[in-house]
Structure formats: structure tokens, C-alpha cells
Amino acid sequence: MLLTCALRGVPRAQRPTSIPEFVATWAILPLAEWGVKLDVPADVFVVGDRLLDPAYDVRPTVLSQRLS
């Protein structure tokens, strides 16, 4: 993810520097709010989809399970 952010122009201060930081700061955000555009077909996720659900003890969402 760090390399993707760097290649896509995400400012250095906003890039995750480790997996734990990615999980803590990005994985709980809706994908549409990520600082980088994903190379994923638009019909794969809907507005509000995220990888981890903060409302349920940060468990993987259905989307996350589908992508794995």
C-alpha cells in the first residue's frame, strides 16, 4: 500500500508506514475516502464499503472476505 500511495501522489505524511498503521487508519475508512484511487471495477464496492467494520470490533467486512 505504501508503494501504491507513493506512485499515486499521496502526500508522505498521509501514507501508512506499516500494516498496523494501515489497519488503524485506512482499513476502517470507507474505500471512497481513501487517499488513493483503487484499480477496482466500480461495481465491486458501494459507497460506505470498508475492509474492517469499526462497529463490530473491527472485524473483516463481507467485502473484505470477498476480496481475499
C-alpha atoms as a PDB file:
ATOM      1  CA  MET A   1       0.000   0.000   0.000  1.00  0.00           C
ATOM      2  CA  LEU A   2       2.878   2.355   0.749  1.00  0.00           C
ATOM      3  CA  LEU A   3       4.235   1.969  -2.776  1.00  0.00           C
ATOM      4  CA  THR A   4       0.785   2.441  -4.316  1.00  0.00           C
ATOM      5  CA  CYS A   5       0.317   5.642  -2.325  1.00  0.00           C
ATOM      6  CA  ALA A   6       3.747   6.918  -3.358  1.00  0.00           C
ATOM      7  CA  LEU A   7       3.118   6.189  -7.035  1.00  0.00           C
ATOM      8  CA  ARG A   8      -0.291   7.847  -6.922  1.00  0.00           C
ATOM      9  CA  GLY A   9       0.902  11.068  -5.284  1.00  0.00           C
ATOM     10  CA  VAL A  10      -0.476  10.642  -1.776  1.00  0.00           C
ATOM     11  CA  PRO A  11       1.467  13.045   0.464  1.00  0.00           C
ATOM     12  CA  ARG A  12       4.135  11.269   2.529  1.00  0.00           C
ATOM     13  CA  ALA A  13       2.525  12.317   5.824  1.00  0.00           C
ATOM     14  CA  GLN A  14      -0.721  10.550   4.832  1.00  0.00           C
ATOM     15  CA  ARG A  15       0.846   7.260   3.690  1.00  0.00           C
ATOM     16  CA  PRO A  16       0.661   4.275   6.027  1.00  0.00           C
ATOM     17  CA  THR A  17       4.149   3.145   7.036  1.00  0.00           C
ATOM     18  CA  SER A  18       3.239  -0.314   8.312  1.00  0.00           C
ATOM     19  CA  ILE A  19       0.480  -2.920   8.226  1.00  0.00           C
ATOM     20  CA  PRO A  20      -0.724  -1.999  11.744  1.00  0.00           C
ATOM     21  CA  GLU A  21      -0.874   1.665  10.750  1.00  0.00           C
ATOM     22  CA  PHE A  22      -2.762   0.787   7.557  1.00  0.00           C
ATOM     23  CA  VAL A  23      -5.298  -1.200   9.578  1.00  0.00           C
ATOM     24  CA  ALA A  24      -5.650   1.520  12.214  1.00  0.00           C
ATOM     25  CA  THR A  25      -6.037   4.420   9.791  1.00  0.00           C
ATOM     26  CA  TRP A  26      -7.204   3.194   6.379  1.00  0.00           C
ATOM     27  CA  ALA A  27      -8.933  -0.184   6.639  1.00  0.00           C
ATOM     28  CA  ILE A  28     -11.720   1.215   8.821  1.00  0.00           C
ATOM     29  CA  LEU A  29     -12.400   4.106   6.414  1.00  0.00           C
ATOM     30  CA  PRO A  30     -14.907   3.739   3.583  1.00  0.00           C
ATOM     31  CA  LEU A  31     -12.953   2.912   0.406  1.00  0.00           C
ATOM     32  CA  ALA A  32     -14.269   6.065  -1.256  1.00  0.00           C
ATOM     33  CA  GLU A  33     -12.465   8.137   1.418  1.00  0.00           C
ATOM     34  CA  TRP A  34      -9.048   6.549   0.896  1.00  0.00           C
ATOM     35  CA  GLY A  35      -6.344   8.932  -0.257  1.00  0.00           C
ATOM     36  CA  VAL A  36      -5.703   6.823  -3.352  1.00  0.00           C
ATOM     37  CA  LYS A  37      -7.936   5.708  -6.230  1.00  0.00           C
ATOM     38  CA  LEU A  38      -8.215   1.934  -6.372  1.00  0.00           C
ATOM     39  CA  ASP A  39      -7.907  -0.039  -9.599  1.00  0.00           C
ATOM     40  CA  VAL A  40     -11.131  -1.911  -8.934  1.00  0.00           C
ATOM     41  CA  PRO A  41     -14.273  -2.013 -11.055  1.00  0.00           C
ATOM     42  CA  ALA A  42     -16.904   0.375  -9.688  1.00  0.00           C
ATOM     43  CA  ASP A  43     -19.427  -2.437  -9.163  1.00  0.00           C
ATOM     44  CA  VAL A  44     -17.144  -4.285  -6.711  1.00  0.00           C
ATOM     45  CA  PHE A  45     -17.993  -1.952  -3.850  1.00  0.00           C
ATOM     46  CA  VAL A  46     -20.591   0.653  -2.980  1.00  0.00           C
ATOM     47  CA  VAL A  47     -20.254   3.946  -1.124  1.00  0.00           C
ATOM     48  CA  GLY A  48     -19.589   3.239   2.520  1.00  0.00           C
ATOM     49  CA  ASP A  49     -17.898  -0.143   1.975  1.00  0.00           C
ATOM     50  CA  ARG A  50     -14.780  -0.669   4.063  1.00  0.00           C
ATOM     51  CA  LEU A  51     -12.393  -3.547   4.761  1.00  0.00           C
ATOM     52  CA  LEU A  52     -12.878  -3.621   8.532  1.00  0.00           C
ATOM     53  CA  ASP A  53     -16.053  -2.749  10.405  1.00  0.00           C
ATOM     54  CA  PRO A  54     -15.437  -0.474  13.408  1.00  0.00           C
ATOM     55  CA  ALA A  55     -18.980  -1.102  14.671  1.00  0.00           C
ATOM     56  CA  TYR A  56     -18.245  -4.825  15.186  1.00  0.00           C
ATOM     57  CA  ASP A  57     -14.885  -4.964  16.963  1.00  0.00           C
ATOM     58  CA  VAL A  58     -13.047  -4.155  13.713  1.00  0.00           C
ATOM     59  CA  ARG A  59     -13.915  -7.488  12.120  1.00  0.00           C
ATOM     60  CA  PRO A  60     -13.463  -8.056   8.375  1.00  0.00           C
ATOM     61  CA  THR A  61     -16.470  -6.987   6.346  1.00  0.00           C
ATOM     62  CA  VAL A  62     -18.194  -9.116   3.696  1.00  0.00           C
ATOM     63  CA  LEU A  63     -16.332  -7.081   1.063  1.00  0.00           C
ATOM     64  CA  SER A  64     -13.015  -7.899   2.700  1.00  0.00           C
ATOM     65  CA  GLN A  65     -13.879 -11.591   2.739  1.00  0.00           C
ATOM     66  CA  ARG A  66     -14.910 -11.468  -0.940  1.00  0.00           C
ATOM     67  CA  LEU A  67     -11.618  -9.836  -1.932  1.00  0.00           C
ATOM     68  CA  SER A  68      -9.431 -12.313  -0.076  1.00  0.00           C
END
